[in-house]
C-alpha atoms as a PDB file:
ATOM      1  CA  MET A   1       0.000   0.000   0.000  1.00  0.00           C
ATOM      2  CA  ALA A   2       1.365   3.421  -0.916  1.00  0.00           C
ATOM      3  CA  ILE A   3       0.209   6.736   0.506  1.00  0.00           C
ATOM      4  CA  PRO A   4       1.059   9.600  -1.863  1.00  0.00           C
ATOM      5  CA  GLU A   5       2.243  12.784  -0.178  1.00  0.00           C
ATOM      6  CA  GLY A   6       3.163  14.818  -3.276  1.00  0.00           C
ATOM      7  CA  GLY A   7       6.957  14.824  -3.455  1.00  0.00           C
ATOM      8  CA  THR A   8       7.138  11.583  -1.490  1.00  0.00           C
ATOM      9  CA  ALA A   9       5.092   8.435  -1.084  1.00  0.00           C
ATOM     10  CA  LEU A  10       5.028   6.228   1.985  1.00  0.00           C
ATOM     11  CA  VAL A  11       4.999   2.493   1.285  1.00  0.00           C
ATOM     12  CA  TYR A  12       3.559   0.027   3.788  1.00  0.00           C
ATOM     13  CA  LEU A  13       4.233  -3.662   3.191  1.00  0.00           C
ATOM     14  CA  THR A  14       1.219  -5.404   4.675  1.00  0.00           C
ATOM     15  CA  ASP A  15       2.059  -9.124   4.529  1.00  0.00           C
ATOM     16  CA  PRO A  16       4.541 -10.060   7.273  1.00  0.00           C
ATOM     17  CA  ALA A  17       5.194 -13.427   5.599  1.00  0.00           C
ATOM     18  CA  THR A  18       6.589 -11.808   2.436  1.00  0.00           C
ATOM     19  CA  ILE A  19       7.784  -8.436   3.703  1.00  0.00           C
ATOM     20  CA  GLU A  20      11.458  -8.805   2.702  1.00  0.00           C
ATOM     21  CA  GLU A  21      10.619 -10.235  -0.723  1.00  0.00           C
ATOM     22  CA  ASP A  22       8.029  -7.471  -1.239  1.00  0.00           C
ATOM     23  CA  ARG A  23      10.540  -4.798  -0.153  1.00  0.00           C
ATOM     24  CA  LYS A  24      13.104  -6.001  -2.716  1.00  0.00           C
ATOM     25  CA  LYS A  25      10.488  -6.031  -5.484  1.00  0.00           C
ATOM     26  CA  VAL A  26       9.195  -2.536  -4.695  1.00  0.00           C
ATOM     27  CA  ILE A  27      12.765  -1.185  -4.630  1.00  0.00           C
ATOM     28  CA  GLU A  28      13.548  -2.854  -7.966  1.00  0.00           C
ATOM     29  CA  VAL A  29      10.377  -1.604  -9.661  1.00  0.00           C
ATOM     30  CA  MET A  30      10.524   1.925  -8.269  1.00  0.00           C
ATOM     31  CA  LYS A  31      14.230   2.476  -9.002  1.00  0.00           C
ATOM     32  CA  ALA A  32      13.457   1.615 -12.626  1.00  0.00           C
ATOM     33  CA  THR A  33      10.520   4.051 -12.783  1.00  0.00           C
ATOM     34  CA  GLU A  34      10.905   7.429 -14.475  1.00  0.00           C
ATOM     35  CA  GLY A  35      10.857  10.332 -12.062  1.00  0.00           C
ATOM     36  CA  MET A  36      12.275   8.515  -9.034  1.00  0.00           C
ATOM     37  CA  ALA A  37      15.048  10.312  -7.148  1.00  0.00           C
ATOM     38  CA  ASP A  38      15.424   7.830  -4.299  1.00  0.00           C
ATOM     39  CA  VAL A  39      13.953   4.842  -2.515  1.00  0.00           C
ATOM     40  CA  ILE A  40      14.747   5.184   1.177  1.00  0.00           C
ATOM     41  CA  GLU A  41      14.947   2.101   3.367  1.00  0.00           C
ATOM     42  CA  PRO A  42      14.587   2.038   7.180  1.00  0.00           C
ATOM     43  CA  ALA A  43      18.378   1.953   7.710  1.00  0.00           C
ATOM     44  CA  ARG A  44      18.384   5.631   6.604  1.00  0.00           C
ATOM     45  CA  TYR A  45      15.333   6.744   8.599  1.00  0.00           C
ATOM     46  CA  VAL A  46      17.427   8.314  11.385  1.00  0.00           C
ATOM     47  CA  GLU A  47      18.565  11.067   8.988  1.00  0.00           C
ATOM     48  CA  LEU A  48      14.891  11.849   8.226  1.00  0.00           C
ATOM     49  CA  GLY A  49      13.611  11.630  11.790  1.00  0.00           C
ATOM     50  CA  PHE A  50      11.380   8.661  10.928  1.00  0.00           C
ATOM     51  CA  PRO A  51      10.885   5.919  13.514  1.00  0.00           C
ATOM     52  CA  ASP A  52      11.976   2.365  12.752  1.00  0.00           C
ATOM     53  CA  PRO A  53       8.992   0.439  11.292  1.00  0.00           C
ATOM     54  CA  ALA A  54      10.062  -2.648  13.279  1.00  0.00           C
ATOM     55  CA  LYS A  55       9.347  -0.628  16.445  1.00  0.00           C
ATOM     56  CA  ASN A  56       6.487   1.560  15.207  1.00  0.00           C
ATOM     57  CA  ARG A  57       3.983   0.216  12.658  1.00  0.00           C
ATOM     58  CA  GLN A  58       2.869   3.750  11.827  1.00  0.00           C
ATOM     59  CA  SER A  59       6.243   4.274  10.180  1.00  0.00           C
ATOM     60  CA  PRO A  60       6.432   3.289   6.501  1.00  0.00           C
ATOM     61  CA  ASP A  61       8.491   0.356   5.284  1.00  0.00           C
ATOM     62  CA  LEU A  62       9.913   2.474   2.439  1.00  0.00           C
ATOM     63  CA  VAL A  63       9.860   6.137   1.447  1.00  0.00           C
ATOM     64  CA  LEU A  64       9.754   6.968  -2.255  1.00  0.00           C
ATOM     65  CA  VAL A  65      11.201  10.322  -3.317  1.00  0.00           C
ATOM     66  CA  GLY A  66      10.303  11.920  -6.638  1.00  0.00           C
ATOM     67  CA  LYS A  67      12.737  13.921  -8.741  1.00  0.00           C
ATOM     68  CA  GLU A  68      12.226  17.652  -9.122  1.00  0.00           C
ATOM     69  CA  GLY A  69       9.194  18.220 -11.339  1.00  0.00           C
ATOM     70  CA  TYR A  70       7.557  14.899 -10.354  1.00  0.00           C
ATOM     71  CA  ALA A  71       4.989  14.090  -7.676  1.00  0.00           C
ATOM     72  CA  PHE A  72       3.031  11.103  -6.431  1.00  0.00           C
ATOM     73  CA  SER A  73      -0.743  11.087  -6.828  1.00  0.00           C
ATOM     74  CA  SER A  74      -3.605   8.897  -5.679  1.00  0.00           C
ATOM     75  CA  ILE A  75      -5.123   8.989  -9.163  1.00  0.00           C
ATOM     76  CA  ALA A  76      -4.618   5.591 -10.754  1.00  0.00           C
ATOM     77  CA  THR A  77      -5.943   5.362 -14.295  1.00  0.00           C
ATOM     78  CA  GLY A  78      -4.476   3.589 -17.280  1.00  0.00           C
ATOM     79  CA  GLU A  79      -1.200   1.733 -17.523  1.00  0.00           C
ATOM     80  CA  ASP A  80       1.214   4.672 -17.404  1.00  0.00           C
ATOM     81  CA  ALA A  81       3.246   5.149 -14.222  1.00  0.00           C
ATOM     82  CA  VAL A  82       4.059   8.750 -15.185  1.00  0.00           C
ATOM     83  CA  ILE A  83       1.519  11.125 -16.701  1.00  0.00           C
ATOM     84  CA  GLU A  84       1.525  14.790 -17.657  1.00  0.00           C
ATOM     85  CA  PRO A  85      -0.733  16.719 -15.258  1.00  0.00           C
ATOM     86  CA  ILE A  86      -3.840  18.276 -16.749  1.00  0.00           C
ATOM     87  CA  PHE A  87      -4.979  21.616 -15.341  1.00  0.00           C
ATOM     88  CA  GLY A  88      -8.343  21.159 -13.613  1.00  0.00           C
ATOM     89  CA  ARG A  89      -7.986  17.366 -13.314  1.00  0.00           C
ATOM     90  CA  HIS A  90      -4.753  16.935 -11.383  1.00  0.00           C
ATOM     91  CA  ALA A  91      -3.051  18.812  -8.575  1.00  0.00           C
ATOM     92  CA  LEU A  92      -0.350  21.003 -10.103  1.00  0.00           C
ATOM     93  CA  GLY A  93       1.246  22.017  -6.821  1.00  0.00           C
ATOM     94  CA  HIS A  94       2.374  19.597  -4.160  1.00  0.00           C
ATOM     95  CA  HIS A  95       3.773  19.404  -0.677  1.00  0.00           C
ATOM     96  CA  GLY A  96       5.266  16.461   1.185  1.00  0.00           C
ATOM     97  CA  TYR A  97       8.792  16.748  -0.156  1.00  0.00           C
ATOM     98  CA  ILE A  98      11.626  15.121   1.746  1.00  0.00           C
ATOM     99  CA  ASN A  99      12.806  17.196   4.707  1.00  0.00           C
ATOM    100  CA  THR A 100      16.482  16.935   3.744  1.00  0.00           C
ATOM    101  CA  ASP A 101      15.849  18.979   0.584  1.00  0.00           C
ATOM    102  CA  PRO A 102      17.199  22.472   1.365  1.00  0.00           C
ATOM    103  CA  ARG A 103      14.400  23.996  -0.715  1.00  0.00           C
ATOM    104  CA  MET A 104      12.032  22.862   2.042  1.00  0.00           C
ATOM    105  CA  ASN A 105      13.573  25.283   4.546  1.00  0.00           C
ATOM    106  CA  ALA A 106      10.938  27.798   5.600  1.00  0.00           C
ATOM    107  CA  ALA A 107      11.449  31.357   6.748  1.00  0.00           C
ATOM    108  CA  PHE A 108      11.220  31.944  10.492  1.00  0.00           C
ATOM    109  CA  ILE A 109      10.475  35.554  11.334  1.00  0.00           C
ATOM    110  CA  VAL A 110       9.758  36.591  14.877  1.00  0.00           C
ATOM    111  CA  ALA A 111       9.068  40.150  15.995  1.00  0.00           C
ATOM    112  CA  GLY A 112       7.432  41.993  18.835  1.00  0.00           C
ATOM    113  CA  ARG A 113       7.699  42.355  22.600  1.00  0.00           C
ATOM    114  CA  GLY A 114      10.520  40.291  24.041  1.00  0.00           C
ATOM    115  CA  VAL A 115      12.294  39.822  20.704  1.00  0.00           C
ATOM    116  CA  ARG A 116      15.669  41.320  19.736  1.00  0.00           C
ATOM    117  CA  VAL A 117      15.473  43.708  16.781  1.00  0.00           C
ATOM    118  CA  GLY A 118      17.486  42.753  13.682  1.00  0.00           C
ATOM    119  CA  LYS A 119      18.901  39.495  15.076  1.00  0.00           C
ATOM    120  CA  LYS A 120      19.647  36.919  12.356  1.00  0.00           C
ATOM    121  CA  ILE A 121      19.903  33.288  13.435  1.00  0.00           C
ATOM    122  CA  GLY A 122      20.304  31.323  10.206  1.00  0.00           C
ATOM    123  CA  VAL A 123      18.815  27.870   9.712  1.00  0.00           C
ATOM    124  CA  ILE A 124      16.983  26.332  12.681  1.00  0.00           C
ATOM    125  CA  ASP A 125      15.122  23.097  13.316  1.00  0.00           C
ATOM    126  CA  ASN A 126      11.350  23.516  13.367  1.00  0.00           C
ATOM    127  CA  VAL A 127      11.208  21.839  16.808  1.00  0.00           C
ATOM    128  CA  HIS A 128      12.545  25.081  18.355  1.00  0.00           C
ATOM    129  CA  VAL A 129       9.635  27.283  17.196  1.00  0.00           C
ATOM    130  CA  ALA A 130       7.013  26.156  19.749  1.00  0.00           C
ATOM    131  CA  PRO A 131       9.381  26.407  22.752  1.00  0.00           C
ATOM    132  CA  THR A 132      10.397  29.907  21.604  1.00  0.00           C
ATOM    133  CA  ILE A 133       6.775  31.034  21.346  1.00  0.00           C
ATOM    134  CA  ALA A 134       5.977  29.396  24.700  1.00  0.00           C
ATOM    135  CA  LYS A 135       8.831  31.283  26.369  1.00  0.00           C
ATOM    136  CA  LEU A 136       7.562  34.570  24.897  1.00  0.00           C
ATOM    137  CA  LEU A 137       4.116  33.798  26.312  1.00  0.00           C
ATOM    138  CA  GLY A 138       5.540  32.780  29.696  1.00  0.00           C
ATOM    139  CA  VAL A 139       4.254  29.233  29.281  1.00  0.00           C
ATOM    140  CA  GLU A 140       6.100  26.037  30.212  1.00  0.00           C
ATOM    141  CA  LEU A 141       6.388  23.399  27.506  1.00  0.00           C
ATOM    142  CA  PRO A 142       7.690  20.308  29.327  1.00  0.00           C
ATOM    143  CA  GLY A 143       8.770  17.418  27.125  1.00  0.00           C
ATOM    144  CA  ALA A 144       9.273  19.552  24.012  1.00  0.00           C
ATOM    145  CA  ASP A 145      11.912  18.221  21.629  1.00  0.00           C
ATOM    146  CA  GLY A 146      13.341  21.681  20.994  1.00  0.00           C
ATOM    147  CA  LYS A 147      14.399  24.600  23.157  1.00  0.00           C
ATOM    148  CA  ALA A 148      13.684  28.310  23.104  1.00  0.00           C
ATOM    149  CA  LEU A 149      15.915  30.257  20.720  1.00  0.00           C
ATOM    150  CA  GLY A 150      17.536  32.446  23.377  1.00  0.00           C
ATOM    151  CA  ASP A 151      19.582  34.364  20.812  1.00  0.00           C
ATOM    152  CA  VAL A 152      16.469  36.091  19.488  1.00  0.00           C
ATOM    153  CA  LEU A 153      14.825  36.728  22.855  1.00  0.00           C
ATOM    154  CA  ILE A 154      15.444  39.641  25.172  1.00  0.00           C
ATOM    155  CA  ALA A 155      16.243  38.196  28.604  1.00  0.00           C
ATOM    156  CA  PRO A 156      13.314  38.614  31.026  1.00  0.00           C
END
């Protein structure tokens, strides 16, 4: 079963008796398919922040990554694996691209009371945004993966 996410697709192998055989076949077929940039196996999930599917069944067994200009869709018609999108029938914009693609970096702009003026911090992990906002609001966020970005905050 594959769940299309635009720039990626998450593959779940549903038969435990044939999971390794199925994994090899999916990898073989997908690597030979036009528009594929990568087929990521669980051994590389640490770099993506994905949990190991052997420990968490919500994690996919494989992650398919499309090349620039390609996307995965849930529309399955005809025999072609790759089709030209048609305006009005297919989504022309997509999300769900792999998080290691530097083009997926978003802008983080914070301003207002408690924030240093003109401070530039460069690239940050998204996990630090909520703790930073919580600190500005004077709220505790126990168990958060990130920490408040002290460099942009004026000390209380």
